[in-house]
Structures are given as C-alpha cells and as structure tokens.
Amino acid sequence: MVYHPIKTGMRAVSSAVNGMVRETVLPAGVDVTKPLIPPLRTPTAADNDEAYGKLAYDLYSDTVTLPTEAMRKAMAEAVCADEVHQVHPPTVLFQEQIAQLTGKEAALFMPSGTLSNQLALHLHILQARGPASVLCDQRAHVYQYETGGMAYHSRAATQTVAPQNGHHLTLEDVQEHAIVEEDQHFATTRVVSLENTLSGTVFPQDEIVRISAWAREHGLAMHLDGARLWNAAAETGLPLSELCAPFDTVSLCLSKGLGAPIGSILVGPRAMIDRARKFRKLFGAGMRQLGVLTAAAHVAVHDTFPQLRRTHDLARRCARMLAARGIPLTVPCETNMVWFDAAAAGYDPDEISRRAEALDPPMTIRCPRMVFHYQIRDDAVERLEGILDAMDAAKKTE
C-alpha cells in the first residue's frame, strides 16, 4: 500500500493498523492533543452543604440519598480491574458475601433493580420454552414501573392479582388465578413473582412459605423483587437467608434504603447467575472498572443496614401525628413509608408541598406518599407538623 506524502500546511498523526503505519492527514490548525471540554469544576463546600442540607428533609423517596464520606473514600481508594472478565477480586468477594447472606449459591451485581428483576424473569421464562405468564400482585413494581419489561423482553403474559385482604397475596389468591393446566387457550403460569416490602408493607413470611411450597409442587419458579427486603429484615429481625429461602431468585436493591449511589444485586442458583452474566452483557450492562461501585455498595450494606430501623420509627411517628390530626392513612405504616390522604381531612396537598418548599432549609413532600431514609433528620416530623399547624391557623383567619 502506498501512502501519499504530507501536503504543505498539513500535519500527520501516525497509528498502527494491522502491523503497518498509516499517515492520517489532518487539516491545518487542528490540534488533537488539546482537551475536548473544559476541566471538571471542583464542587465547593457550599455546593455540598446545599445538596446535603436539602436531602435532610427530602421525603420524596429513599432513592434520593447521597453517598456518605465513607462511601466516597471507598470509591476513591477502590482497587479496579475488568469485572467483565471476572478478574476483580473485591467485586467477586462482595458478590460472594451477598450470596452467603441470602443463602444462595451465587450473586451478580447489576446497575439497576429493573435490570435485575427483568433478567431473572427472562431466564425463568426461557426455561418454559413456550407461551408463558408471570403471576404477580397488581401493584407490583415489575408490572407497573418497569416499562412493560416482561412483555417486551420476555414476551410473557402477566396475570395481575388484587389481594383479597388488601395487604398481600395469599396462597388462595395465587391458586385462584394461576394457570397450571396446559390449555391451548392460555399462557401457562411459569413464575410467581412477589415483592417484599410492597408500598412499605411487610409480606408475612409464613404466607410466602405456603405460596412457595404450592408453586414448587406445580413446577412454578419463584422470584422476589426484594428492592426493600433490607427493610423487611430490619423490621422483622429475620435473617436474609430465611427471607430468601422460598425463592429461586431474588433481586435486592443497594441504592434505595441502603443508599449506595448505584446498583442492585441478583442472587440465585450458580447456573442461573452464570446465564444472567451473559444476558447482562447482551443487554449492554457489562461493566469494566466496577470496583468503584461495589466498594460503595459494600460500605452501604455494612454502615446503613443498622440504621434502617430508625427510619421505620420516624415513619411511624409521622403516621401517628397525621392520624391524630384526622388525616387518614391509606396503607398501613409498617416500615419507612407513610401513605396518607391529606385532602380527606381538608388539607390541600399542593399547598403542603408549596409550604414545605418555602421553608429554610426546604422540605420535599409529595402527597400521597412520604418515604423516610437514613439521611432524614429527626425533626422532619415536627417541621411537617408545623406546616399543618400553619395551614390550620390560616383557615381560622379566612
């Protein structure tokens, strides 16, 4: 191959291609050795104070937490290596620790709970080798808030069930709606997918065991969306291994209640987790220098789990305050969520939000749900009560 000489006023950059040296001609005035964008602005102390100050009264969700200093330090000092090729010992160790905690053979870090859930369900459906359906609560995250993933990724039908007791599915609910007989008219139920906690309520473990025993008798897989299973463990005192035992696969979120910046983790049989690794790559979620994320997740599991019970106590204190003012709860307050109907007691939900935002520092309240996370300050309930007192006073002067 013959390369043309560089013309006057042009420069060349050399690169090796298939063992040869190729001269690439660049236009005059082009300098590819300069940065493409300005340097990153270093946040000031004021920036951090503002962010963490708002967070202390942000009741929108437990997803709004920010990394602690310990998490940031762990991320900065993390040993990094290519996790796609499984050559990063700290990540391998973290996954082994979570597998041991949950009583499963293996675990795999995922960038999100949605991916973790959908990969698990996809693998279960693949084993069905034919038209299949997933049975779940009609309020389930896998059905309501994962962009139709079961239909899109797995081509699975969904059987959604409204619990007869209004709280959680029972074996009788599952038996009534599951399709276990082969019938050419229906997509046979292949997976029962449960959620714990759901809207902050704890799924009774004895009922899960009943459902699981029946499902196994009929060859159905059991999956758990355990995004907030840490909260169920903190509330009940049951070990994660016992909570996970009735399920083939479990997805646990690391970035909600535990406060890691990113991530969920899928646990289950080793063969299935090995397949999940391949499908994680297929779905574009193979991650190289994963150590910075698993380091923060490790700190989150170690440091935050012991603080979860406090968030439950704060939520219950808030629920009792609302009930004392005649504001009805719409969902039992069992962990870190308070669901309420302000309008039913004559309070304008939008006005509550506006008054909360106007405080210094501001509060974030979005009716009809408040979520207490471990970075919420203890006086958040009193500040909300002050808002309601001010609204009551304003009504009296009208």
Protein backbone atom coordinates (compact mmCIF):
# COMPACT_ATOMS: atom_id res chain seq x y z
CA MET A 1 0.00 0.00 0.00
CA VAL A 2 1.33 3.46 -0.92
CA TYR A 3 0.65 6.49 1.23
CA HIS A 4 0.79 9.99 -0.22
CA PRO A 5 3.30 12.44 1.23
CA ILE A 6 2.02 15.16 3.55
CA LYS A 7 0.99 18.26 1.68
CA THR A 8 2.20 21.72 2.64
CA GLY A 9 0.28 23.20 5.57
CA MET A 10 -0.93 19.80 6.80
CA ARG A 11 0.19 17.64 9.72
CA ALA A 12 0.07 13.88 10.24
CA VAL A 13 -0.76 11.56 13.11
CA SER A 14 0.65 8.04 12.96
CA SER A 15 -1.20 4.94 14.11
CA ALA A 16 -0.51 1.23 13.77
CA VAL A 17 -3.06 -0.64 11.65
CA ASN A 18 -2.62 -4.38 11.04
CA GLY A 19 1.10 -4.10 11.63
CA MET A 20 1.52 -1.16 9.23
CA VAL A 21 1.98 2.54 9.89
CA ARG A 22 -0.65 4.76 8.35
CA GLU A 23 -0.27 8.51 7.97
CA THR A 24 -3.53 10.35 8.59
CA VAL A 25 -3.63 13.86 7.18
CA LEU A 26 -5.26 16.50 9.38
CA PRO A 27 -6.46 19.94 8.30
CA ALA A 28 -4.26 22.88 9.18
CA GLY A 29 -4.95 24.36 12.60
CA VAL A 30 -6.39 21.15 14.08
CA ASP A 31 -4.74 20.13 17.37
CA VAL A 32 -5.89 16.74 18.61
CA THR A 33 -3.64 16.95 21.67
CA LYS A 34 -5.85 19.53 23.39
CA PRO A 35 -8.72 18.58 25.78
CA LEU A 36 -12.14 18.49 24.15
CA ILE A 37 -14.02 20.03 27.06
CA PRO A 38 -13.15 22.34 29.95
CA PRO A 39 -11.84 20.76 33.17
CA LEU A 40 -14.37 19.50 35.71
CA ARG A 41 -15.33 22.16 38.21
CA THR A 42 -14.50 21.09 41.72
CA PRO A 43 -17.58 21.42 43.94
CA THR A 44 -17.26 23.90 46.76
CA ALA A 45 -18.11 23.27 50.38
CA ALA A 46 -21.19 25.42 49.82
CA ASP A 47 -22.31 23.15 46.97
CA ASN A 48 -22.09 20.08 49.19
CA ASP A 49 -23.72 21.83 52.13
CA GLU A 50 -26.66 22.83 49.94
CA ALA A 51 -27.08 19.34 48.48
CA TYR A 52 -26.89 17.54 51.81
CA GLY A 53 -28.98 20.22 53.51
CA LYS A 54 -31.88 19.66 51.10
CA LEU A 55 -31.51 15.92 51.43
CA ALA A 56 -32.06 16.04 55.19
CA TYR A 57 -35.71 16.94 54.63
CA ASP A 58 -36.39 15.28 51.28
CA LEU A 59 -39.26 12.83 51.79
CA TYR A 60 -39.82 12.13 48.10
CA SER A 61 -38.12 8.72 48.09
CA ASP A 62 -35.29 6.72 49.61
CA THR A 63 -33.62 6.87 46.19
CA VAL A 64 -32.56 10.50 46.79
CA THR A 65 -29.81 9.71 49.30
CA LEU A 66 -26.27 10.89 48.59
CA PRO A 67 -23.04 8.93 49.12
CA THR A 68 -21.52 9.31 52.57
CA GLU A 69 -17.92 10.35 53.13
CA ALA A 70 -17.12 6.70 53.85
CA MET A 71 -18.62 5.67 50.50
CA ARG A 72 -16.74 8.40 48.64
CA LYS A 73 -13.49 7.38 50.31
CA ALA A 74 -14.05 3.73 49.44
CA MET A 75 -14.77 4.65 45.82
CA ALA A 76 -11.66 6.85 45.56
CA GLU A 77 -9.42 4.15 47.01
CA ALA A 78 -11.05 1.17 45.28
CA VAL A 79 -8.85 -1.33 43.52
CA CYS A 80 -10.09 -1.57 39.94
CA ALA A 81 -9.91 -4.33 37.36
CA ASP A 82 -12.03 -5.61 34.48
CA GLU A 83 -15.14 -7.18 36.03
CA VAL A 84 -16.47 -8.35 32.67
CA HIS A 85 -13.63 -10.87 32.68
CA GLN A 86 -14.18 -11.57 36.40
CA VAL A 87 -10.67 -10.50 37.38
CA HIS A 88 -11.67 -8.04 40.09
CA PRO A 89 -11.28 -9.79 43.47
CA PRO A 90 -13.12 -7.15 45.61
CA THR A 91 -16.23 -7.40 43.41
CA VAL A 92 -16.05 -11.20 43.41
CA LEU A 93 -15.76 -11.13 47.21
CA PHE A 94 -18.68 -8.72 47.61
CA GLN A 95 -20.89 -10.91 45.44
CA GLU A 96 -19.88 -13.98 47.43
CA GLN A 97 -20.70 -12.20 50.68
CA ILE A 98 -24.19 -11.25 49.49
CA ALA A 99 -24.77 -14.80 48.21
CA GLN A 100 -23.81 -16.11 51.64
CA LEU A 101 -26.03 -13.56 53.42
CA THR A 102 -29.02 -14.60 51.33
CA GLY A 103 -28.31 -18.32 51.44
CA LYS A 104 -27.91 -18.58 47.65
CA GLU A 105 -25.14 -20.13 45.57
CA ALA A 106 -24.13 -17.02 43.65
CA ALA A 107 -24.76 -13.31 43.17
CA LEU A 108 -24.27 -10.80 40.36
CA PHE A 109 -24.04 -7.00 40.60
CA MET A 110 -26.48 -5.12 38.38
CA PRO A 111 -26.70 -1.41 37.56
CA SER A 112 -30.41 -1.27 38.46
CA GLY A 113 -33.21 -3.19 40.12
CA THR A 114 -35.24 -3.13 36.93
CA LEU A 115 -32.49 -4.97 35.05
CA SER A 116 -32.04 -7.38 37.94
CA ASN A 117 -35.76 -8.23 38.03
CA GLN A 118 -36.20 -8.44 34.28
CA LEU A 119 -33.13 -10.62 33.73
CA ALA A 120 -34.29 -13.06 36.39
CA LEU A 121 -37.80 -13.24 34.96
CA HIS A 122 -36.39 -13.56 31.44
CA LEU A 123 -34.27 -16.55 32.44
CA HIS A 124 -37.22 -18.24 34.14
CA ILE A 125 -39.42 -17.68 31.09
CA LEU A 126 -36.73 -19.03 28.74
CA GLN A 127 -36.89 -22.34 30.59
CA ALA A 128 -40.60 -22.56 29.82
CA ARG A 129 -39.98 -22.99 26.08
CA GLY A 130 -43.42 -21.81 25.08
CA PRO A 131 -46.17 -19.29 25.83
CA ALA A 132 -45.85 -18.33 29.48
CA SER A 133 -47.19 -15.91 32.04
CA VAL A 134 -45.96 -14.35 35.27
CA LEU A 135 -48.35 -14.04 38.21
CA CYS A 136 -47.87 -11.03 40.46
CA ASP A 137 -49.66 -8.51 42.65
CA GLN A 138 -51.41 -5.86 40.55
CA ARG A 139 -49.36 -3.20 42.41
CA ALA A 140 -46.03 -4.91 41.72
CA HIS A 141 -43.10 -2.86 40.52
CA VAL A 142 -42.22 -5.48 37.89
CA TYR A 143 -45.63 -4.87 36.33
CA GLN A 144 -46.35 -1.20 36.99
CA TYR A 145 -42.99 0.55 36.79
CA GLU A 146 -40.60 -1.42 34.58
CA THR A 147 -41.74 -0.18 31.17
CA GLY A 148 -43.61 -3.33 30.23
CA GLY A 149 -40.39 -5.29 30.51
CA MET A 150 -41.97 -8.72 30.91
CA ALA A 151 -43.87 -8.30 27.66
CA TYR A 152 -41.05 -6.57 25.79
CA HIS A 153 -38.04 -8.63 26.86
CA SER A 154 -39.60 -12.00 27.61
CA ARG A 155 -42.79 -11.97 25.52
CA ALA A 156 -44.59 -13.09 28.65
CA ALA A 157 -48.21 -12.50 29.57
CA THR A 158 -48.93 -11.13 33.03
CA GLN A 159 -51.59 -12.29 35.46
CA THR A 160 -52.09 -9.46 37.92
CA VAL A 161 -53.98 -10.21 41.11
CA ALA A 162 -55.65 -7.88 43.60
CA PRO A 163 -55.10 -9.32 47.10
CA GLN A 164 -58.42 -10.19 48.68
CA ASN A 165 -57.18 -8.94 52.06
CA GLY A 166 -55.97 -5.66 50.56
CA HIS A 167 -52.48 -6.18 52.00
CA HIS A 168 -50.66 -9.12 50.43
CA LEU A 169 -51.29 -12.07 48.15
CA THR A 170 -52.28 -15.31 49.82
CA LEU A 171 -51.98 -18.87 48.63
CA GLU A 172 -55.70 -18.80 47.91
CA ASP A 173 -55.25 -15.73 45.67
CA VAL A 174 -52.49 -17.50 43.76
CA GLN A 175 -54.41 -20.74 43.42
CA GLU A 176 -57.46 -18.90 42.12
CA HIS A 177 -55.58 -17.11 39.35
CA ALA A 178 -52.64 -19.33 38.42
CA ILE A 179 -52.97 -21.35 35.22
CA VAL A 180 -51.20 -24.62 35.89
CA GLU A 181 -53.01 -26.90 33.48
CA GLU A 182 -51.83 -26.99 29.88
CA ASP A 183 -54.60 -25.44 27.79
CA GLN A 184 -54.24 -24.19 24.24
CA HIS A 185 -56.25 -21.08 25.09
CA PHE A 186 -53.99 -19.74 27.84
CA ALA A 187 -50.40 -18.82 28.58
CA THR A 188 -49.48 -21.19 31.40
CA THR A 189 -48.20 -19.64 34.62
CA ARG A 190 -44.46 -20.29 34.87
CA VAL A 191 -43.37 -17.80 37.50
CA VAL A 192 -44.84 -16.37 40.69
CA SER A 193 -43.23 -13.00 41.38
CA LEU A 194 -43.70 -11.46 44.82
CA GLU A 195 -42.47 -8.18 46.34
CA ASN A 196 -41.24 -7.54 49.88
CA THR A 197 -41.70 -4.86 51.02
CA LEU A 198 -44.50 -3.55 48.81
CA SER A 199 -45.55 0.07 49.37
CA GLY A 200 -43.71 -0.23 52.66
CA THR A 201 -45.74 -3.18 53.92
CA VAL A 202 -44.09 -6.43 55.01
CA PHE A 203 -45.18 -9.64 53.31
CA PRO A 204 -45.82 -12.22 56.06
CA GLN A 205 -43.13 -14.87 55.77
CA ASP A 206 -45.43 -17.77 56.67
CA GLU A 207 -47.67 -16.89 53.71
CA ILE A 208 -44.67 -16.72 51.38
CA VAL A 209 -43.65 -20.19 52.53
CA ARG A 210 -47.16 -21.51 51.80
CA ILE A 211 -47.17 -19.99 48.29
CA SER A 212 -43.69 -21.30 47.57
CA ALA A 213 -44.50 -24.86 48.65
CA TRP A 214 -47.53 -24.94 46.38
CA ALA A 215 -45.63 -23.34 43.48
CA ARG A 216 -42.87 -25.93 43.69
CA GLU A 217 -45.42 -28.75 43.71
CA HIS A 218 -46.68 -27.40 40.40
CA GLY A 219 -43.29 -26.70 38.83
CA LEU A 220 -43.52 -22.91 39.06
CA ALA A 221 -40.48 -20.72 39.61
CA MET A 222 -40.47 -18.23 42.47
CA HIS A 223 -38.91 -14.76 42.09
CA LEU A 224 -38.75 -11.99 44.68
CA ASP A 225 -38.43 -8.31 43.97
CA GLY A 226 -36.60 -7.58 47.20
CA ALA A 227 -35.70 -3.98 46.42
CA ARG A 228 -36.52 -3.16 50.03
CA LEU A 229 -36.01 -6.59 51.53
CA TRP A 230 -33.39 -4.98 53.77
CA ASN A 231 -36.27 -3.06 55.39
CA ALA A 232 -38.25 -6.26 55.89
CA ALA A 233 -35.21 -7.85 57.54
CA ALA A 234 -34.69 -4.82 59.80
CA GLU A 235 -38.36 -4.76 60.78
CA THR A 236 -38.91 -8.47 61.41
CA GLY A 237 -35.48 -9.46 62.66
CA LEU A 238 -35.50 -12.42 60.29
CA PRO A 239 -32.18 -13.19 58.57
CA LEU A 240 -31.97 -12.52 54.86
CA SER A 241 -31.29 -16.20 54.24
CA GLU A 242 -34.67 -17.11 55.73
CA LEU A 243 -36.49 -14.36 53.83
CA CYS A 244 -34.89 -15.52 50.56
CA ALA A 245 -35.19 -19.28 51.10
CA PRO A 246 -38.63 -19.72 49.44
CA PHE A 247 -37.41 -18.13 46.19
CA ASP A 248 -35.32 -19.34 43.28
CA THR A 249 -34.08 -15.84 42.50
CA VAL A 250 -34.08 -12.59 44.47
CA SER A 251 -33.24 -9.05 43.43
CA LEU A 252 -32.00 -6.75 46.19
CA CYS A 253 -31.53 -3.01 45.66
CA LEU A 254 -28.39 -1.37 47.02
CA SER A 255 -29.34 2.21 46.16
CA LYS A 256 -32.72 2.62 47.87
CA GLY A 257 -32.78 2.13 51.63
CA LEU A 258 -29.08 1.32 51.84
CA GLY A 259 -28.08 4.46 49.97
CA ALA A 260 -25.37 3.21 47.62
CA PRO A 261 -25.03 5.54 44.62
CA ILE A 262 -25.79 2.81 42.06
CA GLY A 263 -26.72 -0.81 41.92
CA SER A 264 -28.76 -3.88 42.72
CA ILE A 265 -27.70 -7.48 43.08
CA LEU A 266 -29.30 -10.67 41.81
CA VAL A 267 -28.92 -13.89 43.79
CA GLY A 268 -29.84 -17.45 42.91
CA PRO A 269 -28.51 -20.81 41.73
CA ARG A 270 -24.99 -20.64 40.29
CA ALA A 271 -26.04 -21.93 36.88
CA MET A 272 -28.72 -19.26 36.58
CA ILE A 273 -26.39 -16.49 37.75
CA ASP A 274 -23.83 -17.62 35.17
CA ARG A 275 -26.50 -17.26 32.49
CA ALA A 276 -27.54 -13.91 33.95
CA ARG A 277 -23.96 -12.69 33.49
CA LYS A 278 -24.18 -13.49 29.78
CA PHE A 279 -27.54 -11.78 29.40
CA ARG A 280 -26.32 -8.79 31.40
CA LYS A 281 -23.65 -8.39 28.72
CA LEU A 282 -26.24 -8.91 25.97
CA PHE A 283 -28.39 -6.13 27.42
CA GLY A 284 -25.41 -3.77 27.38
CA ALA A 285 -24.73 -3.78 31.12
CA GLY A 286 -21.33 -5.43 31.27
CA MET A 287 -19.24 -3.08 33.41
CA ARG A 288 -15.47 -2.79 33.32
CA GLN A 289 -13.97 -0.95 36.30
CA LEU A 290 -16.80 -1.93 38.61
CA GLY A 291 -14.76 -1.65 41.79
CA VAL A 292 -15.75 1.96 42.41
CA LEU A 293 -19.41 0.90 42.60
CA THR A 294 -19.06 -2.32 44.57
CA ALA A 295 -16.82 -0.53 47.07
CA ALA A 296 -19.60 1.96 47.80
CA ALA A 297 -22.16 -0.84 47.90
CA HIS A 298 -20.04 -2.74 50.43
CA VAL A 299 -19.96 0.33 52.69
CA ALA A 300 -23.72 0.78 52.25
CA VAL A 301 -24.51 -2.77 53.37
CA HIS A 302 -22.12 -2.51 56.31
CA ASP A 303 -22.96 1.02 57.51
CA THR A 304 -26.58 1.67 56.56
CA PHE A 305 -28.44 -1.53 57.36
CA PRO A 306 -28.14 -0.94 61.15
CA GLN A 307 -29.80 2.45 60.64
CA LEU A 308 -32.92 1.25 58.84
CA ARG A 309 -34.98 0.58 61.95
CA ARG A 310 -34.62 4.26 62.89
CA THR A 311 -36.25 5.23 59.57
CA HIS A 312 -39.18 2.95 60.40
CA ASP A 313 -39.58 4.56 63.80
CA LEU A 314 -39.58 8.03 62.21
CA ALA A 315 -42.22 6.95 59.71
CA ARG A 316 -44.43 5.55 62.46
CA ARG A 317 -44.05 8.75 64.48
CA CYS A 318 -45.16 10.69 61.42
CA ALA A 319 -48.08 8.34 60.80
CA ARG A 320 -49.27 8.73 64.40
CA MET A 321 -49.05 12.52 64.11
CA LEU A 322 -51.14 12.52 60.92
CA ALA A 323 -53.72 10.15 62.40
CA ALA A 324 -54.03 12.36 65.49
CA ARG A 325 -54.97 15.26 63.20
CA GLY A 326 -57.63 13.19 61.45
CA ILE A 327 -55.56 12.60 58.30
CA PRO A 328 -56.28 9.01 57.22
CA LEU A 329 -53.55 6.57 56.27
CA THR A 330 -54.30 4.76 53.02
CA VAL A 331 -51.71 1.99 53.53
CA PRO A 332 -50.57 0.57 56.87
CA CYS A 333 -47.29 2.12 58.03
CA GLU A 334 -45.05 -0.90 58.66
CA THR A 335 -41.57 0.23 57.61
CA ASN A 336 -40.31 3.51 56.11
CA MET A 337 -43.29 4.72 54.05
CA VAL A 338 -46.29 6.83 55.02
CA TRP A 339 -49.23 6.83 52.61
CA PHE A 340 -51.91 9.37 53.51
CA ASP A 341 -54.92 11.27 52.16
CA ALA A 342 -54.46 14.89 53.17
CA ALA A 343 -57.44 16.07 51.14
CA ALA A 344 -59.78 13.80 53.09
CA ALA A 345 -59.01 15.86 56.19
CA GLY A 346 -59.35 19.19 54.41
CA TYR A 347 -55.68 19.85 53.68
CA ASP A 348 -54.70 20.87 50.14
CA PRO A 349 -51.87 18.50 49.07
CA ASP A 350 -50.40 21.10 46.71
CA GLU A 351 -50.33 23.70 49.47
CA ILE A 352 -48.49 21.28 51.74
CA SER A 353 -45.85 20.86 49.04
CA ARG A 354 -45.58 24.62 48.44
CA ARG A 355 -45.23 25.46 52.11
CA ALA A 356 -42.65 22.70 52.54
CA GLU A 357 -40.55 24.06 49.66
CA ALA A 358 -40.73 27.57 51.12
CA LEU A 359 -39.06 26.55 54.39
CA ASP A 360 -35.39 27.22 55.06
CA PRO A 361 -33.96 24.69 54.53
CA PRO A 362 -36.71 23.45 52.21
CA MET A 363 -38.62 20.21 52.62
CA THR A 364 -39.73 18.00 49.74
CA ILE A 365 -43.14 16.44 50.31
CA ARG A 366 -45.19 14.90 47.52
CA CYS A 367 -48.59 13.64 48.58
CA PRO A 368 -49.82 10.93 48.91
CA ARG A 369 -46.52 9.28 49.95
CA MET A 370 -43.61 10.14 52.18
CA VAL A 371 -40.53 7.94 52.36
CA PHE A 372 -38.11 8.15 55.28
CA HIS A 373 -34.48 7.37 54.52
CA TYR A 374 -31.46 7.15 56.79
CA GLN A 375 -30.28 10.70 55.99
CA ILE A 376 -33.55 12.30 57.11
CA ARG A 377 -33.17 14.38 60.28
CA ASP A 378 -35.14 13.58 63.40
CA ASP A 379 -37.03 16.91 63.38
CA ALA A 380 -38.61 16.29 59.95
CA VAL A 381 -41.87 15.17 61.55
CA GLU A 382 -42.05 18.30 63.72
CA ARG A 383 -41.42 20.51 60.70
CA LEU A 384 -44.28 18.83 58.84
CA GLU A 385 -46.50 19.28 61.88
CA GLY A 386 -45.60 22.97 61.85
CA ILE A 387 -46.77 23.22 58.24
CA LEU A 388 -50.12 21.67 59.15
CA ASP A 389 -50.43 23.98 62.19
CA ALA A 390 -49.85 26.99 59.92
CA MET A 391 -52.50 25.75 57.49
CA ASP A 392 -54.96 25.31 60.35
CA ALA A 393 -54.24 28.85 61.56
CA ALA A 394 -54.72 30.25 58.07
CA LYS A 395 -58.12 28.58 57.81
CA LYS A 396 -59.25 30.21 61.06
CA THR A 397 -58.48 33.67 59.73
CA GLU A 398 -60.35 33.18 56.47
